[in-house]
Amino acid sequence: MVLSQVLVSARQAPAILRRNFGVCVPAAQKAADPIQQLFVDKIREYKQKSSGGKLVEPTKDIQKELAAELERVSRVYGFKQGENVTDLPPMKFENPDLKPVVPV
């Protein structure tokens, strides 16, 4: 029984190693392709610009559109003047009383 498990594992090992090697090696290497390197550089640049959770390089039109949309959401859902629309309301969950449901 143990011998059969070892044989099955020995047959599956090349496929597993090939798959893991194929996934890990490109991730560990520096990008050899210049297009791939440009993509990685742009992602790093975007990460630096997007710190703080704000829009990256917003135009005046985009800022106006965002303000109008937040105003619409506050009107539709009844937020008071000055409340932050992007915050979630506090959620409170209580455990129900199960004594009447469970027979003794």
PDB file of N, CA and C in Angstrom:
ATOM      1  N   MET A   1       0.828  -1.199   0.000  1.00  0.00           N
ATOM      2  CA  MET A   1       0.000   0.000   0.000  1.00  0.00           C
ATOM      3  C   MET A   1       0.870   1.260   0.000  1.00  0.00           C
ATOM      4  N   VAL A   2       1.876   1.270   0.826  1.00  0.00           N
ATOM      5  CA  VAL A   2       2.769   2.422   0.885  1.00  0.00           C
ATOM      6  C   VAL A   2       3.527   2.540  -0.431  1.00  0.00           C
ATOM      7  N   LEU A   3       3.936   1.387  -0.984  1.00  0.00           N
ATOM      8  CA  LEU A   3       4.653   1.388  -2.245  1.00  0.00           C
ATOM      9  C   LEU A   3       3.807   1.985  -3.369  1.00  0.00           C
ATOM     10  N   SER A   4       2.503   1.680  -3.395  1.00  0.00           N
ATOM     11  CA  SER A   4       1.635   2.232  -4.432  1.00  0.00           C
ATOM     12  C   SER A   4       1.484   3.744  -4.289  1.00  0.00           C
ATOM     13  N   GLN A   5       1.433   4.230  -3.053  1.00  0.00           N
ATOM     14  CA  GLN A   5       1.345   5.677  -2.837  1.00  0.00           C
ATOM     15  C   GLN A   5       2.627   6.380  -3.277  1.00  0.00           C
ATOM     16  N   VAL A   6       3.770   5.738  -3.023  1.00  0.00           N
ATOM     17  CA  VAL A   6       5.044   6.316  -3.431  1.00  0.00           C
ATOM     18  C   VAL A   6       5.132   6.369  -4.952  1.00  0.00           C
ATOM     19  N   LEU A   7       4.664   5.307  -5.616  1.00  0.00           N
ATOM     20  CA  LEU A   7       4.706   5.274  -7.071  1.00  0.00           C
ATOM     21  C   LEU A   7       3.790   6.332  -7.679  1.00  0.00           C
ATOM     22  N   VAL A   8       2.619   6.496  -7.098  1.00  0.00           N
ATOM     23  CA  VAL A   8       1.693   7.514  -7.591  1.00  0.00           C
ATOM     24  C   VAL A   8       2.298   8.908  -7.389  1.00  0.00           C
ATOM     25  N   SER A   9       2.902   9.128  -6.245  1.00  0.00           N
ATOM     26  CA  SER A   9       3.531  10.419  -5.974  1.00  0.00           C
ATOM     27  C   SER A   9       4.697  10.674  -6.924  1.00  0.00           C
ATOM     28  N   ALA A  10       5.466   9.621  -7.226  1.00  0.00           N
ATOM     29  CA  ALA A  10       6.601   9.764  -8.131  1.00  0.00           C
ATOM     30  C   ALA A  10       6.136  10.114  -9.546  1.00  0.00           C
ATOM     31  N   ARG A  11       4.977   9.589  -9.956  1.00  0.00           N
ATOM     32  CA  ARG A  11       4.449   9.921 -11.285  1.00  0.00           C
ATOM     33  C   ARG A  11       3.933  11.351 -11.343  1.00  0.00           C
ATOM     34  N   GLN A  12       3.386  11.865 -10.237  1.00  0.00           N
ATOM     35  CA  GLN A  12       2.808  13.207 -10.224  1.00  0.00           C
ATOM     36  C   GLN A  12       3.852  14.293  -9.982  1.00  0.00           C
ATOM     37  N   ALA A  13       5.002  13.928  -9.447  1.00  0.00           N
ATOM     38  CA  ALA A  13       6.019  14.916  -9.078  1.00  0.00           C
ATOM     39  C   ALA A  13       6.472  15.785 -10.245  1.00  0.00           C
ATOM     40  N   PRO A  14       6.770  15.237 -11.438  1.00  0.00           N
ATOM     41  CA  PRO A  14       7.222  16.127 -12.524  1.00  0.00           C
ATOM     42  C   PRO A  14       6.185  17.183 -12.904  1.00  0.00           C
ATOM     43  N   ALA A  15       4.928  16.809 -12.917  1.00  0.00           N
ATOM     44  CA  ALA A  15       3.890  17.788 -13.272  1.00  0.00           C
ATOM     45  C   ALA A  15       3.785  18.876 -12.216  1.00  0.00           C
ATOM     46  N   ILE A  16       3.860  18.503 -10.960  1.00  0.00           N
ATOM     47  CA  ILE A  16       3.767  19.480  -9.877  1.00  0.00           C
ATOM     48  C   ILE A  16       4.975  20.412  -9.901  1.00  0.00           C
ATOM     49  N   LEU A  17       6.168  19.842 -10.081  1.00  0.00           N
ATOM     50  CA  LEU A  17       7.372  20.673 -10.133  1.00  0.00           C
ATOM     51  C   LEU A  17       7.351  21.609 -11.333  1.00  0.00           C
ATOM     52  N   ARG A  18       6.908  21.117 -12.477  1.00  0.00           N
ATOM     53  CA  ARG A  18       6.847  21.936 -13.677  1.00  0.00           C
ATOM     54  C   ARG A  18       5.874  23.098 -13.469  1.00  0.00           C
ATOM     55  N   ARG A  19       4.716  22.824 -12.871  1.00  0.00           N
ATOM     56  CA  ARG A  19       3.723  23.863 -12.643  1.00  0.00           C
ATOM     57  C   ARG A  19       4.249  24.900 -11.661  1.00  0.00           C
ATOM     58  N   ASN A  20       4.820  24.460 -10.541  1.00  0.00           N
ATOM     59  CA  ASN A  20       5.329  25.397  -9.544  1.00  0.00           C
ATOM     60  C   ASN A  20       6.510  26.191 -10.079  1.00  0.00           C
ATOM     61  N   PHE A  21       7.375  25.544 -10.834  1.00  0.00           N
ATOM     62  CA  PHE A  21       8.524  26.227 -11.417  1.00  0.00           C
ATOM     63  C   PHE A  21       8.065  27.273 -12.421  1.00  0.00           C
ATOM     64  N   GLY A  22       7.049  26.934 -13.197  1.00  0.00           N
ATOM     65  CA  GLY A  22       6.533  27.856 -14.202  1.00  0.00           C
ATOM     66  C   GLY A  22       5.883  29.080 -13.599  1.00  0.00           C
ATOM     67  N   VAL A  23       5.346  28.954 -12.401  1.00  0.00           N
ATOM     68  CA  VAL A  23       4.678  30.080 -11.751  1.00  0.00           C
ATOM     69  C   VAL A  23       5.668  30.926 -10.974  1.00  0.00           C
ATOM     70  N   CYS A  24       6.598  30.293 -10.279  1.00  0.00           N
ATOM     71  CA  CYS A  24       7.479  31.015  -9.366  1.00  0.00           C
ATOM     72  C   CYS A  24       8.640  31.721 -10.052  1.00  0.00           C
ATOM     73  N   VAL A  25       9.179  31.148 -11.083  1.00  0.00           N
ATOM     74  CA  VAL A  25      10.368  31.732 -11.707  1.00  0.00           C
ATOM     75  C   VAL A  25      10.082  33.106 -12.304  1.00  0.00           C
ATOM     76  N   PRO A  26       9.017  33.290 -13.101  1.00  0.00           N
ATOM     77  CA  PRO A  26       8.783  34.640 -13.643  1.00  0.00           C
ATOM     78  C   PRO A  26       8.526  35.682 -12.560  1.00  0.00           C
ATOM     79  N   ALA A  27       7.903  35.253 -11.469  1.00  0.00           N
ATOM     80  CA  ALA A  27       7.628  36.205 -10.399  1.00  0.00           C
ATOM     81  C   ALA A  27       8.906  36.633  -9.687  1.00  0.00           C
ATOM     82  N   ALA A  28       9.886  35.720  -9.605  1.00  0.00           N
ATOM     83  CA  ALA A  28      11.120  36.020  -8.886  1.00  0.00           C
ATOM     84  C   ALA A  28      12.105  36.795  -9.753  1.00  0.00           C
ATOM     85  N   GLN A  29      12.014  36.688 -11.057  1.00  0.00           N
ATOM     86  CA  GLN A  29      12.964  37.343 -11.941  1.00  0.00           C
ATOM     87  C   GLN A  29      12.557  38.789 -12.203  1.00  0.00           C
ATOM     88  N   LYS A  30      13.528  39.568 -12.585  1.00  0.00           N
ATOM     89  CA  LYS A  30      13.232  40.911 -13.045  1.00  0.00           C
ATOM     90  C   LYS A  30      12.669  40.793 -14.460  1.00  0.00           C
ATOM     91  N   ALA A  31      11.803  41.685 -14.816  1.00  0.00           N
ATOM     92  CA  ALA A  31      11.160  41.606 -16.127  1.00  0.00           C
ATOM     93  C   ALA A  31      12.200  41.727 -17.233  1.00  0.00           C
ATOM     94  N   ALA A  32      12.256  40.705 -18.092  1.00  0.00           N
ATOM     95  CA  ALA A  32      13.211  40.718 -19.200  1.00  0.00           C
ATOM     96  C   ALA A  32      12.642  41.478 -20.392  1.00  0.00           C
ATOM     97  N   ASP A  33      11.353  41.476 -20.513  1.00  0.00           N
ATOM     98  CA  ASP A  33      10.685  42.150 -21.613  1.00  0.00           C
ATOM     99  C   ASP A  33      10.554  43.639 -21.283  1.00  0.00           C
ATOM    100  N   PRO A  34      10.944  44.542 -22.183  1.00  0.00           N
ATOM    101  CA  PRO A  34      10.846  45.977 -21.875  1.00  0.00           C
ATOM    102  C   PRO A  34       9.402  46.448 -21.674  1.00  0.00           C
ATOM    103  N   ILE A  35       8.460  45.842 -22.376  1.00  0.00           N
ATOM    104  CA  ILE A  35       7.050  46.218 -22.195  1.00  0.00           C
ATOM    105  C   ILE A  35       6.585  45.818 -20.800  1.00  0.00           C
ATOM    106  N   GLN A  36       7.007  44.630 -20.388  1.00  0.00           N
ATOM    107  CA  GLN A  36       6.650  44.147 -19.052  1.00  0.00           C
ATOM    108  C   GLN A  36       7.269  45.055 -17.986  1.00  0.00           C
ATOM    109  N   GLN A  37       8.503  45.492 -18.193  1.00  0.00           N
ATOM    110  CA  GLN A  37       9.161  46.382 -17.240  1.00  0.00           C
ATOM    111  C   GLN A  37       8.458  47.731 -17.175  1.00  0.00           C
ATOM    112  N   LEU A  38       8.021  48.255 -18.309  1.00  0.00           N
ATOM    113  CA  LEU A  38       7.259  49.513 -18.313  1.00  0.00           C
ATOM    114  C   LEU A  38       5.968  49.368 -17.520  1.00  0.00           C
ATOM    115  N   PHE A  39       5.306  48.229 -17.686  1.00  0.00           N
ATOM    116  CA  PHE A  39       4.059  47.973 -16.961  1.00  0.00           C
ATOM    117  C   PHE A  39       4.315  47.960 -15.456  1.00  0.00           C
ATOM    118  N   VAL A  40       5.364  47.280 -15.025  1.00  0.00           N
ATOM    119  CA  VAL A  40       5.701  47.220 -13.602  1.00  0.00           C
ATOM    120  C   VAL A  40       6.052  48.606 -13.080  1.00  0.00           C
ATOM    121  N   ASP A  41       6.797  49.380 -13.866  1.00  0.00           N
ATOM    122  CA  ASP A  41       7.152  50.744 -13.456  1.00  0.00           C
ATOM    123  C   ASP A  41       5.918  51.624 -13.305  1.00  0.00           C
ATOM    124  N   LYS A  42       4.968  51.493 -14.230  1.00  0.00           N
ATOM    125  CA  LYS A  42       3.736  52.294 -14.147  1.00  0.00           C
ATOM    126  C   LYS A  42       2.908  51.910 -12.924  1.00  0.00           C
ATOM    127  N   ILE A  43       2.881  50.628 -12.602  1.00  0.00           N
ATOM    128  CA  ILE A  43       2.145  50.193 -11.408  1.00  0.00           C
ATOM    129  C   ILE A  43       2.780  50.789 -10.156  1.00  0.00           C
ATOM    130  N   ARG A  44       4.101  50.781 -10.090  1.00  0.00           N
ATOM    131  CA  ARG A  44       4.799  51.362  -8.924  1.00  0.00           C
ATOM    132  C   ARG A  44       4.565  52.871  -8.849  1.00  0.00           C
ATOM    133  N   GLU A  45       4.572  53.546  -9.990  1.00  0.00           N
ATOM    134  CA  GLU A  45       4.323  54.988 -10.034  1.00  0.00           C
ATOM    135  C   GLU A  45       2.897  55.296  -9.564  1.00  0.00           C
ATOM    136  N   TYR A  46       1.936  54.504 -10.017  1.00  0.00           N
ATOM    137  CA  TYR A  46       0.542  54.693  -9.621  1.00  0.00           C
ATOM    138  C   TYR A  46       0.382  54.479  -8.120  1.00  0.00           C
ATOM    139  N   LYS A  47       1.096  53.484  -7.584  1.00  0.00           N
ATOM    140  CA  LYS A  47       1.013  53.207  -6.146  1.00  0.00           C
ATOM    141  C   LYS A  47       1.501  54.406  -5.340  1.00  0.00           C
ATOM    142  N   GLN A  48       2.574  55.058  -5.801  1.00  0.00           N
ATOM    143  CA  GLN A  48       3.083  56.232  -5.098  1.00  0.00           C
ATOM    144  C   GLN A  48       2.106  57.396  -5.181  1.00  0.00           C
ATOM    145  N   LYS A  49       1.483  57.586  -6.334  1.00  0.00           N
ATOM    146  CA  LYS A  49       0.565  58.710  -6.512  1.00  0.00           C
ATOM    147  C   LYS A  49      -0.756  58.498  -5.779  1.00  0.00           C
ATOM    148  N   SER A  50      -1.180  57.261  -5.597  1.00  0.00           N
ATOM    149  CA  SER A  50      -2.500  56.996  -5.038  1.00  0.00           C
ATOM    150  C   SER A  50      -2.496  56.866  -3.523  1.00  0.00           C
ATOM    151  N   SER A  51      -1.440  57.282  -2.868  1.00  0.00           N
ATOM    152  CA  SER A  51      -1.424  57.179  -1.414  1.00  0.00           C
ATOM    153  C   SER A  51      -2.465  58.116  -0.814  1.00  0.00           C
ATOM    154  N   GLY A  52      -3.091  57.678   0.237  1.00  0.00           N
ATOM    155  CA  GLY A  52      -4.089  58.497   0.904  1.00  0.00           C
ATOM    156  C   GLY A  52      -5.512  58.208   0.465  1.00  0.00           C
ATOM    157  N   GLY A  53      -5.717  57.317  -0.488  1.00  0.00           N
ATOM    158  CA  GLY A  53      -7.056  56.948  -0.914  1.00  0.00           C
ATOM    159  C   GLY A  53      -7.764  58.003  -1.746  1.00  0.00           C
ATOM    160  N   LYS A  54      -7.023  58.909  -2.333  1.00  0.00           N
ATOM    161  CA  LYS A  54      -7.633  59.947  -3.153  1.00  0.00           C
ATOM    162  C   LYS A  54      -7.494  59.601  -4.633  1.00  0.00           C
ATOM    163  N   LEU A  55      -8.207  60.337  -5.472  1.00  0.00           N
ATOM    164  CA  LEU A  55      -8.112  60.129  -6.907  1.00  0.00           C
ATOM    165  C   LEU A  55      -6.728  60.506  -7.419  1.00  0.00           C
ATOM    166  N   VAL A  56      -6.257  59.771  -8.407  1.00  0.00           N
ATOM    167  CA  VAL A  56      -4.948  60.045  -8.990  1.00  0.00           C
ATOM    168  C   VAL A  56      -5.135  61.021 -10.152  1.00  0.00           C
ATOM    169  N   GLU A  57      -4.495  62.172 -10.052  1.00  0.00           N
ATOM    170  CA  GLU A  57      -4.530  63.216 -11.076  1.00  0.00           C
ATOM    171  C   GLU A  57      -5.950  63.529 -11.558  1.00  0.00           C
ATOM    172  N   PRO A  58      -6.837  63.931 -10.660  1.00  0.00           N
ATOM    173  CA  PRO A  58      -8.202  64.234 -11.109  1.00  0.00           C
ATOM    174  C   PRO A  58      -8.273  65.575 -11.827  1.00  0.00           C
ATOM    175  N   THR A  59      -9.121  65.650 -12.830  1.00  0.00           N
ATOM    176  CA  THR A  59      -9.348  66.913 -13.525  1.00  0.00           C
ATOM    177  C   THR A  59     -10.480  67.651 -12.812  1.00  0.00           C
ATOM    178  N   LYS A  60     -10.708  68.892 -13.195  1.00  0.00           N
ATOM    179  CA  LYS A  60     -11.793  69.679 -12.598  1.00  0.00           C
ATOM    180  C   LYS A  60     -13.150  69.028 -12.882  1.00  0.00           C
ATOM    181  N   ASP A  61     -13.307  68.503 -14.095  1.00  0.00           N
ATOM    182  CA  ASP A  61     -14.573  67.856 -14.458  1.00  0.00           C
ATOM    183  C   ASP A  61     -14.834  66.622 -13.599  1.00  0.00           C
ATOM    184  N   ILE A  62     -13.799  65.825 -13.366  1.00  0.00           N
ATOM    185  CA  ILE A  62     -13.960  64.617 -12.554  1.00  0.00           C
ATOM    186  C   ILE A  62     -14.281  64.992 -11.114  1.00  0.00           C
ATOM    187  N   GLN A  63     -13.644  66.028 -10.577  1.00  0.00           N
ATOM    188  CA  GLN A  63     -13.933  66.471  -9.218  1.00  0.00           C
ATOM    189  C   GLN A  63     -15.371  66.980  -9.100  1.00  0.00           C
ATOM    190  N   LYS A  64     -15.843  67.716 -10.115  1.00  0.00           N
ATOM    191  CA  LYS A  64     -17.229  68.203 -10.106  1.00  0.00           C
ATOM    192  C   LYS A  64     -18.209  67.037 -10.173  1.00  0.00           C
ATOM    193  N   GLU A  65     -17.896  66.065 -11.022  1.00  0.00           N
ATOM    194  CA  GLU A  65     -18.763  64.898 -11.163  1.00  0.00           C
ATOM    195  C   GLU A  65     -18.830  64.101  -9.861  1.00  0.00           C
ATOM    196  N   LEU A  66     -17.682  63.940  -9.186  1.00  0.00           N
ATOM    197  CA  LEU A  66     -17.654  63.230  -7.907  1.00  0.00           C
ATOM    198  C   LEU A  66     -18.470  63.967  -6.858  1.00  0.00           C
ATOM    199  N   ALA A  67     -18.303  65.282  -6.793  1.00  0.00           N
ATOM    200  CA  ALA A  67     -19.060  66.078  -5.821  1.00  0.00           C
ATOM    201  C   ALA A  67     -20.557  65.994  -6.098  1.00  0.00           C
ATOM    202  N   ALA A  68     -20.955  66.053  -7.370  1.00  0.00           N
ATOM    203  CA  ALA A  68     -22.370  65.956  -7.718  1.00  0.00           C
ATOM    204  C   ALA A  68     -22.930  64.578  -7.357  1.00  0.00           C
ATOM    205  N   GLU A  69     -22.151  63.533  -7.602  1.00  0.00           N
ATOM    206  CA  GLU A  69     -22.614  62.180  -7.285  1.00  0.00           C
ATOM    207  C   GLU A  69     -22.743  61.967  -5.780  1.00  0.00           C
ATOM    208  N   LEU A  70     -21.786  62.475  -5.006  1.00  0.00           N
ATOM    209  CA  LEU A  70     -21.879  62.371  -3.549  1.00  0.00           C
ATOM    210  C   LEU A  70     -23.064  63.162  -3.012  1.00  0.00           C
ATOM    211  N   GLU A  71     -23.329  64.317  -3.613  1.00  0.00           N
ATOM    212  CA  GLU A  71     -24.499  65.119  -3.222  1.00  0.00           C
ATOM    213  C   GLU A  71     -25.791  64.370  -3.525  1.00  0.00           C
ATOM    214  N   ARG A  72     -25.853  63.725  -4.693  1.00  0.00           N
ATOM    215  CA  ARG A  72     -27.039  62.956  -5.065  1.00  0.00           C
ATOM    216  C   ARG A  72     -27.262  61.790  -4.104  1.00  0.00           C
ATOM    217  N   VAL A  73     -26.189  61.091  -3.756  1.00  0.00           N
ATOM    218  CA  VAL A  73     -26.305  59.963  -2.829  1.00  0.00           C
ATOM    219  C   VAL A  73     -26.756  60.439  -1.456  1.00  0.00           C
ATOM    220  N   SER A  74     -26.225  61.569  -1.007  1.00  0.00           N
ATOM    221  CA  SER A  74     -26.636  62.076   0.306  1.00  0.00           C
ATOM    222  C   SER A  74     -28.103  62.498   0.310  1.00  0.00           C
ATOM    223  N   ARG A  75     -28.579  63.030  -0.816  1.00  0.00           N
ATOM    224  CA  ARG A  75     -29.987  63.420  -0.924  1.00  0.00           C
ATOM    225  C   ARG A  75     -30.897  62.189  -0.964  1.00  0.00           C
ATOM    226  N   VAL A  76     -30.506  61.175  -1.748  1.00  0.00           N
ATOM    227  CA  VAL A  76     -31.332  59.985  -1.921  1.00  0.00           C
ATOM    228  C   VAL A  76     -31.436  59.196  -0.618  1.00  0.00           C
ATOM    229  N   TYR A  77     -30.322  59.066   0.100  1.00  0.00           N
ATOM    230  CA  TYR A  77     -30.310  58.228   1.289  1.00  0.00           C
ATOM    231  C   TYR A  77     -30.469  59.002   2.582  1.00  0.00           C
ATOM    232  N   GLY A  78     -30.741  60.286   2.503  1.00  0.00           N
ATOM    233  CA  GLY A  78     -31.100  61.073   3.677  1.00  0.00           C
ATOM    234  C   GLY A  78     -29.961  61.396   4.618  1.00  0.00           C
ATOM    235  N   PHE A  79     -28.769  61.619   4.102  1.00  0.00           N
ATOM    236  CA  PHE A  79     -27.668  62.041   4.960  1.00  0.00           C
ATOM    237  C   PHE A  79     -27.868  63.502   5.335  1.00  0.00           C
ATOM    238  N   LYS A  80     -27.454  63.842   6.534  1.00  0.00           N
ATOM    239  CA  LYS A  80     -27.559  65.224   6.973  1.00  0.00           C
ATOM    240  C   LYS A  80     -26.431  66.044   6.369  1.00  0.00           C
ATOM    241  N   GLN A  81     -26.599  67.363   6.363  1.00  0.00           N
ATOM    242  CA  GLN A  81     -25.601  68.266   5.807  1.00  0.00           C
ATOM    243  C   GLN A  81     -24.282  68.104   6.554  1.00  0.00           C
ATOM    244  N   GLY A  82     -23.196  67.863   5.829  1.00  0.00           N
ATOM    245  CA  GLY A  82     -21.883  67.737   6.444  1.00  0.00           C
ATOM    246  C   GLY A  82     -21.491  66.320   6.820  1.00  0.00           C
ATOM    247  N   GLU A  83     -22.410  65.360   6.737  1.00  0.00           N
ATOM    248  CA  GLU A  83     -22.070  63.973   7.048  1.00  0.00           C
ATOM    249  C   GLU A  83     -21.244  63.380   5.913  1.00  0.00           C
ATOM    250  N   ASN A  84     -20.350  62.474   6.259  1.00  0.00           N
ATOM    251  CA  ASN A  84     -19.507  61.830   5.259  1.00  0.00           C
ATOM    252  C   ASN A  84     -20.299  60.685   4.619  1.00  0.00           C
ATOM    253  N   VAL A  85     -20.553  60.807   3.340  1.00  0.00           N
ATOM    254  CA  VAL A  85     -21.352  59.827   2.604  1.00  0.00           C
ATOM    255  C   VAL A  85     -20.583  58.526   2.409  1.00  0.00           C
ATOM    256  N   THR A  86     -19.261  58.604   2.404  1.00  0.00           N
ATOM    257  CA  THR A  86     -18.466  57.410   2.128  1.00  0.00           C
ATOM    258  C   THR A  86     -18.306  56.499   3.339  1.00  0.00           C
ATOM    259  N   ASP A  87     -18.674  56.944   4.534  1.00  0.00           N
ATOM    260  CA  ASP A  87     -18.592  56.087   5.727  1.00  0.00           C
ATOM    261  C   ASP A  87     -19.800  55.171   5.793  1.00  0.00           C
ATOM    262  N   LEU A  88     -19.565  53.962   6.218  1.00  0.00           N
ATOM    263  CA  LEU A  88     -20.671  53.025   6.404  1.00  0.00           C
ATOM    264  C   LEU A  88     -21.358  53.314   7.723  1.00  0.00           C
ATOM    265  N   PRO A  89     -22.650  53.093   7.785  1.00  0.00           N
ATOM    266  CA  PRO A  89     -23.338  53.293   9.057  1.00  0.00           C
ATOM    267  C   PRO A  89     -22.903  52.227  10.056  1.00  0.00           C
ATOM    268  N   PRO A  90     -22.969  52.540  11.338  1.00  0.00           N
ATOM    269  CA  PRO A  90     -22.581  51.531  12.331  1.00  0.00           C
ATOM    270  C   PRO A  90     -23.567  50.357  12.309  1.00  0.00           C
ATOM    271  N   MET A  91     -23.026  49.164  12.385  1.00  0.00           N
ATOM    272  CA  MET A  91     -23.870  47.976  12.355  1.00  0.00           C
ATOM    273  C   MET A  91     -23.841  47.324  13.725  1.00  0.00           C
ATOM    274  N   LYS A  92     -25.014  46.968  14.202  1.00  0.00           N
ATOM    275  CA  LYS A  92     -25.122  46.357  15.518  1.00  0.00           C
ATOM    276  C   LYS A  92     -25.907  45.060  15.366  1.00  0.00           C
ATOM    277  N   PHE A  93     -25.267  43.959  15.730  1.00  0.00           N
ATOM    278  CA  PHE A  93     -25.907  42.664  15.647  1.00  0.00           C
ATOM    279  C   PHE A  93     -26.108  42.134  17.053  1.00  0.00           C
ATOM    280  N   GLU A  94     -27.300  41.652  17.320  1.00  0.00           N
ATOM    281  CA  GLU A  94     -27.601  41.091  18.625  1.00  0.00           C
ATOM    282  C   GLU A  94     -27.954  39.620  18.467  1.00  0.00           C
ATOM    283  N   ASN A  95     -27.559  38.826  19.449  1.00  0.00           N
ATOM    284  CA  ASN A  95     -27.911  37.413  19.438  1.00  0.00           C
ATOM    285  C   ASN A  95     -29.378  37.268  19.831  1.00  0.00           C
ATOM    286  N   PRO A  96     -30.152  36.558  19.032  1.00  0.00           N
ATOM    287  CA  PRO A  96     -31.557  36.388  19.379  1.00  0.00           C
ATOM    288  C   PRO A  96     -31.720  35.426  20.567  1.00  0.00           C
ATOM    289  N   ASP A  97     -32.807  35.597  21.260  1.00  0.00           N
ATOM    290  CA  ASP A  97     -33.110  34.729  22.402  1.00  0.00           C
ATOM    291  C   ASP A  97     -33.665  33.411  21.847  1.00  0.00           C
ATOM    292  N   LEU A  98     -32.946  32.320  22.045  1.00  0.00           N
ATOM    293  CA  LEU A  98     -33.353  31.034  21.481  1.00  0.00           C
ATOM    294  C   LEU A  98     -34.130  30.160  22.457  1.00  0.00           C
ATOM    295  N   LYS A  99     -34.364  30.624  23.680  1.00  0.00           N
ATOM    296  CA  LYS A  99     -35.072  29.797  24.659  1.00  0.00           C
ATOM    297  C   LYS A  99     -36.473  29.414  24.223  1.00  0.00           C
ATOM    298  N   PRO A 100     -37.251  30.319  23.631  1.00  0.00           N
ATOM    299  CA  PRO A 100     -38.582  29.905  23.208  1.00  0.00           C
ATOM    300  C   PRO A 100     -38.557  28.916  22.013  1.00  0.00           C
ATOM    301  N   VAL A 101     -37.497  28.902  21.242  1.00  0.00           N
ATOM    302  CA  VAL A 101     -37.425  28.065  20.049  1.00  0.00           C
ATOM    303  C   VAL A 101     -36.954  26.653  20.388  1.00  0.00           C
ATOM    304  N   VAL A 102     -35.985  26.558  21.305  1.00  0.00           N
ATOM    305  CA  VAL A 102     -35.386  25.249  21.624  1.00  0.00           C
ATOM    306  C   VAL A 102     -36.191  24.582  22.726  1.00  0.00           C
ATOM    307  N   PRO A 103     -36.728  23.350  22.469  1.00  0.00           N
ATOM    308  CA  PRO A 103     -37.471  22.661  23.527  1.00  0.00           C
ATOM    309  C   PRO A 103     -36.510  22.137  24.598  1.00  0.00           C
ATOM    310  N   VAL A 104     -36.972  22.155  25.807  1.00  0.00           N
ATOM    311  CA  VAL A 104     -36.138  21.713  26.934  1.00  0.00           C
ATOM    312  C   VAL A 104     -36.338  20.260  27.246  1.00  0.00           C
TER     313      VAL A 104
END
